[in-house]
Amino acid sequence: MRVEYLPGTDNVIRFPVERDERPGLALLREIAPDPREVFYAAEAFKIAPPLHGLRGEMDRETADYILNQVDDQPGPRRQRELDGLLAPLVAKAVKLCQAHDRTSEEIDQAYDHYDKARGKNDQASQLWMNVFEAKIVAATHLLIEAYEASERAEGAARAVAYAMRGEPWEPFDVHKAMEKLCSLHIESKLGQ
């Protein structure tokens, strides 16, 4: 869950609609973990970082699967098969992101319990500190899992999008994407 405050609205309570929303790419893109947070957390807790290149690998594998296994004739059958490829990956990624959010809330609750017990009862405060630390490690593992699942879903989504448009798949090229982005920027300035 992302909380974004507008100026003067720091006391607004946000209802997390993403908990009730049907899993889809738009929802996943809204709640997917920030890669910077993922790598910082992995480094801080000395946990193996997420696998590199998951999105591109999944993009390639999905494109290959579509080419060899999915009906190549346009129509409802092809659409169902393509949707069937993407839906479980997106659902899994959304579920993991939501689990991470719940664990993050549990971390806050554990810290509140620790804070209340601190100074009053050393045994209880130590217990809550142990719970707090365990929740942080669990949340970090969930964060990495959620990131990897969202990268897989995004990779598959790219290949499925090519197939839905009826275009031949081509691997993602950073330089080509940058040239396209720059040319769009130049074209937008020329029209002014």
C-alpha atoms as a PDB file:
ATOM      1  CA  MET A   1       0.000   0.000   0.000  1.00  0.00           C
ATOM      2  CA  ARG A   2       1.362   3.378  -0.935  1.00  0.00           C
ATOM      3  CA  VAL A   3       0.351   6.418   1.053  1.00  0.00           C
ATOM      4  CA  GLU A   4       0.723   9.755  -0.687  1.00  0.00           C
ATOM      5  CA  TYR A   5      -0.231  12.877   1.229  1.00  0.00           C
ATOM      6  CA  LEU A   6      -1.392  16.118  -0.297  1.00  0.00           C
ATOM      7  CA  PRO A   7      -0.326  19.345   1.375  1.00  0.00           C
ATOM      8  CA  GLY A   8      -2.439  19.933   4.470  1.00  0.00           C
ATOM      9  CA  THR A   9      -3.912  16.424   4.531  1.00  0.00           C
ATOM     10  CA  ASP A  10      -1.560  14.540   6.828  1.00  0.00           C
ATOM     11  CA  ASN A  11      -4.424  13.402   9.061  1.00  0.00           C
ATOM     12  CA  VAL A  12      -6.375  11.673   6.274  1.00  0.00           C
ATOM     13  CA  ILE A  13      -6.897   7.939   6.737  1.00  0.00           C
ATOM     14  CA  ARG A  14      -6.651   6.058   3.472  1.00  0.00           C
ATOM     15  CA  PHE A  15      -8.711   2.920   2.935  1.00  0.00           C
ATOM     16  CA  PRO A  16      -6.538   0.348   1.148  1.00  0.00           C
ATOM     17  CA  VAL A  17      -8.800  -0.491  -1.803  1.00  0.00           C
ATOM     18  CA  GLU A  18      -6.117  -2.717  -3.313  1.00  0.00           C
ATOM     19  CA  ARG A  19      -7.040  -5.384  -0.754  1.00  0.00           C
ATOM     20  CA  ASP A  20     -10.477  -5.809  -2.321  1.00  0.00           C
ATOM     21  CA  GLU A  21      -9.642  -5.030  -5.933  1.00  0.00           C
ATOM     22  CA  ARG A  22      -9.412  -7.839  -8.476  1.00  0.00           C
ATOM     23  CA  PRO A  23      -5.777  -8.661  -9.272  1.00  0.00           C
ATOM     24  CA  GLY A  24      -4.671  -7.028 -12.505  1.00  0.00           C
ATOM     25  CA  LEU A  25      -1.630  -5.394 -14.025  1.00  0.00           C
ATOM     26  CA  ALA A  26      -2.775  -1.902 -13.044  1.00  0.00           C
ATOM     27  CA  LEU A  27      -3.096  -2.943  -9.396  1.00  0.00           C
ATOM     28  CA  LEU A  28       0.227  -4.787  -9.496  1.00  0.00           C
ATOM     29  CA  ARG A  29       1.996  -1.743 -10.907  1.00  0.00           C
ATOM     30  CA  GLU A  30       0.548   0.360  -8.102  1.00  0.00           C
ATOM     31  CA  ILE A  31       1.581  -1.929  -5.246  1.00  0.00           C
ATOM     32  CA  ALA A  32       4.751  -3.569  -6.633  1.00  0.00           C
ATOM     33  CA  PRO A  33       7.848  -3.074  -4.483  1.00  0.00           C
ATOM     34  CA  ASP A  34      10.274  -0.306  -5.353  1.00  0.00           C
ATOM     35  CA  PRO A  35      13.489  -1.988  -6.598  1.00  0.00           C
ATOM     36  CA  ARG A  36      15.622   0.421  -4.577  1.00  0.00           C
ATOM     37  CA  GLU A  37      13.883  -0.598  -1.352  1.00  0.00           C
ATOM     38  CA  VAL A  38      14.266  -4.261  -2.253  1.00  0.00           C
ATOM     39  CA  PHE A  39      18.004  -4.074  -2.857  1.00  0.00           C
ATOM     40  CA  TYR A  40      18.618  -1.838   0.181  1.00  0.00           C
ATOM     41  CA  ALA A  41      16.686  -4.237   2.424  1.00  0.00           C
ATOM     42  CA  ALA A  42      18.491  -7.290   1.046  1.00  0.00           C
ATOM     43  CA  GLU A  43      21.842  -5.609   1.610  1.00  0.00           C
ATOM     44  CA  ALA A  44      20.934  -4.394   5.105  1.00  0.00           C
ATOM     45  CA  PHE A  45      19.898  -7.848   6.289  1.00  0.00           C
ATOM     46  CA  LYS A  46      22.598  -9.680   4.329  1.00  0.00           C
ATOM     47  CA  ILE A  47      19.986 -11.654   2.397  1.00  0.00           C
ATOM     48  CA  ALA A  48      20.644 -12.837  -1.153  1.00  0.00           C
ATOM     49  CA  PRO A  49      19.362 -10.116  -3.488  1.00  0.00           C
ATOM     50  CA  PRO A  50      16.675 -10.853  -6.073  1.00  0.00           C
ATOM     51  CA  LEU A  51      17.711 -12.649  -9.211  1.00  0.00           C
ATOM     52  CA  HIS A  52      18.910 -10.252 -11.897  1.00  0.00           C
ATOM     53  CA  GLY A  53      17.209 -10.192 -15.304  1.00  0.00           C
ATOM     54  CA  LEU A  54      13.990 -11.966 -14.288  1.00  0.00           C
ATOM     55  CA  ARG A  55      11.798  -9.672 -16.368  1.00  0.00           C
ATOM     56  CA  GLY A  56      13.770 -10.210 -19.574  1.00  0.00           C
ATOM     57  CA  GLU A  57      14.063 -13.955 -18.987  1.00  0.00           C
ATOM     58  CA  MET A  58      10.325 -14.314 -18.387  1.00  0.00           C
ATOM     59  CA  ASP A  59       9.609 -12.118 -21.413  1.00  0.00           C
ATOM     60  CA  ARG A  60      11.713 -14.444 -23.590  1.00  0.00           C
ATOM     61  CA  GLU A  61      10.261 -17.654 -22.123  1.00  0.00           C
ATOM     62  CA  THR A  62       6.682 -16.422 -22.487  1.00  0.00           C
ATOM     63  CA  ALA A  63       7.258 -15.310 -26.079  1.00  0.00           C
ATOM     64  CA  ASP A  64       8.720 -18.730 -26.882  1.00  0.00           C
ATOM     65  CA  TYR A  65       5.774 -20.474 -25.220  1.00  0.00           C
ATOM     66  CA  ILE A  66       3.285 -18.303 -27.122  1.00  0.00           C
ATOM     67  CA  LEU A  67       5.043 -19.036 -30.402  1.00  0.00           C
ATOM     68  CA  ASN A  68       5.053 -22.808 -29.869  1.00  0.00           C
ATOM     69  CA  GLN A  69       1.995 -23.537 -27.716  1.00  0.00           C
ATOM     70  CA  VAL A  70      -0.676 -20.866 -28.179  1.00  0.00           C
ATOM     71  CA  ASP A  71      -3.138 -20.931 -31.076  1.00  0.00           C
ATOM     72  CA  ASP A  72      -1.820 -18.499 -33.684  1.00  0.00           C
ATOM     73  CA  GLN A  73      -5.236 -17.700 -35.198  1.00  0.00           C
ATOM     74  CA  PRO A  74      -6.768 -14.477 -33.838  1.00  0.00           C
ATOM     75  CA  GLY A  75      -9.982 -14.972 -31.944  1.00  0.00           C
ATOM     76  CA  PRO A  76     -11.532 -15.732 -28.580  1.00  0.00           C
ATOM     77  CA  ARG A  77      -9.566 -18.967 -28.077  1.00  0.00           C
ATOM     78  CA  ARG A  78      -6.226 -17.201 -28.511  1.00  0.00           C
ATOM     79  CA  GLN A  79      -7.394 -14.391 -26.215  1.00  0.00           C
ATOM     80  CA  ARG A  80      -8.369 -16.908 -23.500  1.00  0.00           C
ATOM     81  CA  GLU A  81      -5.031 -18.688 -23.796  1.00  0.00           C
ATOM     82  CA  LEU A  82      -3.095 -15.420 -23.536  1.00  0.00           C
ATOM     83  CA  ASP A  83      -5.170 -14.259 -20.571  1.00  0.00           C
ATOM     84  CA  GLY A  84      -4.631 -17.670 -18.990  1.00  0.00           C
ATOM     85  CA  LEU A  85      -0.875 -17.222 -19.254  1.00  0.00           C
ATOM     86  CA  LEU A  86      -0.834 -13.864 -17.537  1.00  0.00           C
ATOM     87  CA  ALA A  87      -3.583 -14.090 -14.909  1.00  0.00           C
ATOM     88  CA  PRO A  88      -1.907 -16.587 -12.525  1.00  0.00           C
ATOM     89  CA  LEU A  89       1.401 -14.712 -12.581  1.00  0.00           C
ATOM     90  CA  VAL A  90      -0.289 -11.400 -11.810  1.00  0.00           C
ATOM     91  CA  ALA A  91      -2.482 -12.957  -9.106  1.00  0.00           C
ATOM     92  CA  LYS A  92       0.551 -14.505  -7.395  1.00  0.00           C
ATOM     93  CA  ALA A  93       2.497 -11.230  -7.516  1.00  0.00           C
ATOM     94  CA  VAL A  94      -0.439  -9.219  -6.132  1.00  0.00           C
ATOM     95  CA  LYS A  95      -0.950 -11.783  -3.359  1.00  0.00           C
ATOM     96  CA  LEU A  96       2.725 -11.567  -2.349  1.00  0.00           C
ATOM     97  CA  CYS A  97       2.676  -7.749  -2.406  1.00  0.00           C
ATOM     98  CA  GLN A  98      -0.415  -7.746  -0.203  1.00  0.00           C
ATOM     99  CA  ALA A  99       1.190 -10.264   2.176  1.00  0.00           C
ATOM    100  CA  HIS A 100       4.207  -7.967   2.461  1.00  0.00           C
ATOM    101  CA  ASP A 101       1.943  -5.015   3.257  1.00  0.00           C
ATOM    102  CA  ARG A 102       0.182  -7.016   5.993  1.00  0.00           C
ATOM    103  CA  THR A 103       3.522  -8.068   7.469  1.00  0.00           C
ATOM    104  CA  SER A 104       4.638  -4.436   7.466  1.00  0.00           C
ATOM    105  CA  GLU A 105       1.550  -3.539   9.485  1.00  0.00           C
ATOM    106  CA  GLU A 106       2.345  -6.369  11.910  1.00  0.00           C
ATOM    107  CA  ILE A 107       5.838  -4.897  12.329  1.00  0.00           C
ATOM    108  CA  ASP A 108       4.305  -1.599  13.420  1.00  0.00           C
ATOM    109  CA  GLN A 109       2.022  -3.402  15.884  1.00  0.00           C
ATOM    110  CA  ALA A 110       4.910  -5.434  17.326  1.00  0.00           C
ATOM    111  CA  TYR A 111       6.954  -2.274  17.789  1.00  0.00           C
ATOM    112  CA  ASP A 112       4.037  -0.557  19.520  1.00  0.00           C
ATOM    113  CA  HIS A 113       3.777  -3.506  21.939  1.00  0.00           C
ATOM    114  CA  TYR A 114       7.521  -3.376  22.527  1.00  0.00           C
ATOM    115  CA  ASP A 115       7.382   0.372  23.128  1.00  0.00           C
ATOM    116  CA  LYS A 116       4.572  -0.022  25.688  1.00  0.00           C
ATOM    117  CA  ALA A 117       6.405  -2.827  27.527  1.00  0.00           C
ATOM    118  CA  ARG A 118       9.797  -1.102  27.508  1.00  0.00           C
ATOM    119  CA  GLY A 119      10.774   0.055  30.978  1.00  0.00           C
ATOM    120  CA  LYS A 120       7.812  -1.686  32.633  1.00  0.00           C
ATOM    121  CA  ASN A 121       8.623  -5.328  32.068  1.00  0.00           C
ATOM    122  CA  ASP A 122      12.022  -6.411  30.755  1.00  0.00           C
ATOM    123  CA  GLN A 123      10.860  -9.915  29.876  1.00  0.00           C
ATOM    124  CA  ALA A 124       7.853  -8.672  27.891  1.00  0.00           C
ATOM    125  CA  SER A 125       9.880  -5.982  26.145  1.00  0.00           C
ATOM    126  CA  GLN A 126      12.520  -8.556  25.139  1.00  0.00           C
ATOM    127  CA  LEU A 127       9.785 -10.858  23.842  1.00  0.00           C
ATOM    128  CA  TRP A 128       8.247  -8.080  21.738  1.00  0.00           C
ATOM    129  CA  MET A 129      11.680  -7.045  20.470  1.00  0.00           C
ATOM    130  CA  ASN A 130      12.245 -10.637  19.298  1.00  0.00           C
ATOM    131  CA  VAL A 131       8.842 -10.646  17.579  1.00  0.00           C
ATOM    132  CA  PHE A 132       9.629  -7.271  15.997  1.00  0.00           C
ATOM    133  CA  GLU A 133      12.982  -8.479  14.635  1.00  0.00           C
ATOM    134  CA  ALA A 134      11.496 -11.743  13.327  1.00  0.00           C
ATOM    135  CA  LYS A 135       8.742  -9.810  11.534  1.00  0.00           C
ATOM    136  CA  ILE A 136      11.308  -7.522   9.912  1.00  0.00           C
ATOM    137  CA  VAL A 137      13.271 -10.472   8.534  1.00  0.00           C
ATOM    138  CA  ALA A 138      10.052 -12.155   7.334  1.00  0.00           C
ATOM    139  CA  ALA A 139       8.935  -8.913   5.679  1.00  0.00           C
ATOM    140  CA  THR A 140      12.283  -8.598   3.904  1.00  0.00           C
ATOM    141  CA  HIS A 141      11.990 -12.122   2.517  1.00  0.00           C
ATOM    142  CA  LEU A 142       8.415 -11.377   1.412  1.00  0.00           C
ATOM    143  CA  LEU A 143       9.567  -8.125  -0.170  1.00  0.00           C
ATOM    144  CA  ILE A 144      12.128  -9.986  -2.280  1.00  0.00           C
ATOM    145  CA  GLU A 145       9.593 -12.673  -3.232  1.00  0.00           C
ATOM    146  CA  ALA A 146       7.021 -10.032  -4.171  1.00  0.00           C
ATOM    147  CA  TYR A 147       9.586  -8.168  -6.270  1.00  0.00           C
ATOM    148  CA  GLU A 148      10.623 -11.324  -8.131  1.00  0.00           C
ATOM    149  CA  ALA A 149       6.986 -12.304  -8.756  1.00  0.00           C
ATOM    150  CA  SER A 150       6.130  -8.814 -10.028  1.00  0.00           C
ATOM    151  CA  GLU A 151       9.154  -8.861 -12.353  1.00  0.00           C
ATOM    152  CA  ARG A 152       8.049 -12.234 -13.748  1.00  0.00           C
ATOM    153  CA  ALA A 153       4.513 -10.932 -14.268  1.00  0.00           C
ATOM    154  CA  GLU A 154       5.787  -7.782 -16.015  1.00  0.00           C
ATOM    155  CA  GLY A 155       8.019  -9.858 -18.294  1.00  0.00           C
ATOM    156  CA  ALA A 156       5.156 -12.143 -19.257  1.00  0.00           C
ATOM    157  CA  ALA A 157       2.881  -9.116 -19.727  1.00  0.00           C
ATOM    158  CA  ARG A 158       5.262  -7.663 -22.314  1.00  0.00           C
ATOM    159  CA  ALA A 159       5.280 -10.861 -24.392  1.00  0.00           C
ATOM    160  CA  VAL A 160       1.506 -11.254 -24.070  1.00  0.00           C
ATOM    161  CA  ALA A 161       0.992  -7.620 -25.153  1.00  0.00           C
ATOM    162  CA  TYR A 162       2.986  -8.254 -28.336  1.00  0.00           C
ATOM    163  CA  ALA A 163       0.890 -11.358 -29.027  1.00  0.00           C
ATOM    164  CA  MET A 164      -2.394  -9.537 -28.386  1.00  0.00           C
ATOM    165  CA  ARG A 165      -1.412  -6.797 -30.814  1.00  0.00           C
ATOM    166  CA  GLY A 166      -0.455  -9.426 -33.379  1.00  0.00           C
ATOM    167  CA  GLU A 167       3.091  -8.104 -33.614  1.00  0.00           C
ATOM    168  CA  PRO A 168       6.168 -10.316 -33.791  1.00  0.00           C
ATOM    169  CA  TRP A 169       7.981 -10.401 -30.465  1.00  0.00           C
ATOM    170  CA  GLU A 170      11.367  -8.762 -30.184  1.00  0.00           C
ATOM    171  CA  PRO A 171      13.644  -8.676 -27.147  1.00  0.00           C
ATOM    172  CA  PHE A 172      13.713  -5.526 -25.067  1.00  0.00           C
ATOM    173  CA  ASP A 173      16.572  -3.272 -26.133  1.00  0.00           C
ATOM    174  CA  VAL A 174      17.458  -0.474 -23.720  1.00  0.00           C
ATOM    175  CA  HIS A 175      19.219   1.581 -26.389  1.00  0.00           C
ATOM    176  CA  LYS A 176      16.328   1.300 -28.847  1.00  0.00           C
ATOM    177  CA  ALA A 177      13.851   2.273 -26.109  1.00  0.00           C
ATOM    178  CA  MET A 178      15.996   5.288 -25.194  1.00  0.00           C
ATOM    179  CA  GLU A 179      16.208   6.407 -28.834  1.00  0.00           C
ATOM    180  CA  LYS A 180      12.431   6.112 -29.154  1.00  0.00           C
ATOM    181  CA  LEU A 181      11.915   8.082 -25.951  1.00  0.00           C
ATOM    182  CA  CYS A 182      14.315  10.815 -27.093  1.00  0.00           C
ATOM    183  CA  SER A 183      12.694  11.026 -30.523  1.00  0.00           C
ATOM    184  CA  LEU A 184       9.257  11.426 -28.899  1.00  0.00           C
ATOM    185  CA  HIS A 185      10.656  14.207 -26.726  1.00  0.00           C
ATOM    186  CA  ILE A 186      12.184  15.985 -29.742  1.00  0.00           C
ATOM    187  CA  GLU A 187       8.948  15.599 -31.749  1.00  0.00           C
ATOM    188  CA  SER A 188       6.928  17.097 -28.907  1.00  0.00           C
ATOM    189  CA  LYS A 189       9.227  20.155 -28.820  1.00  0.00           C
ATOM    190  CA  LEU A 190       9.063  20.601 -32.593  1.00  0.00           C
ATOM    191  CA  GLY A 191       5.292  21.011 -32.459  1.00  0.00           C
ATOM    192  CA  GLN A 192       5.489  23.989 -30.087  1.00  0.00           C
END
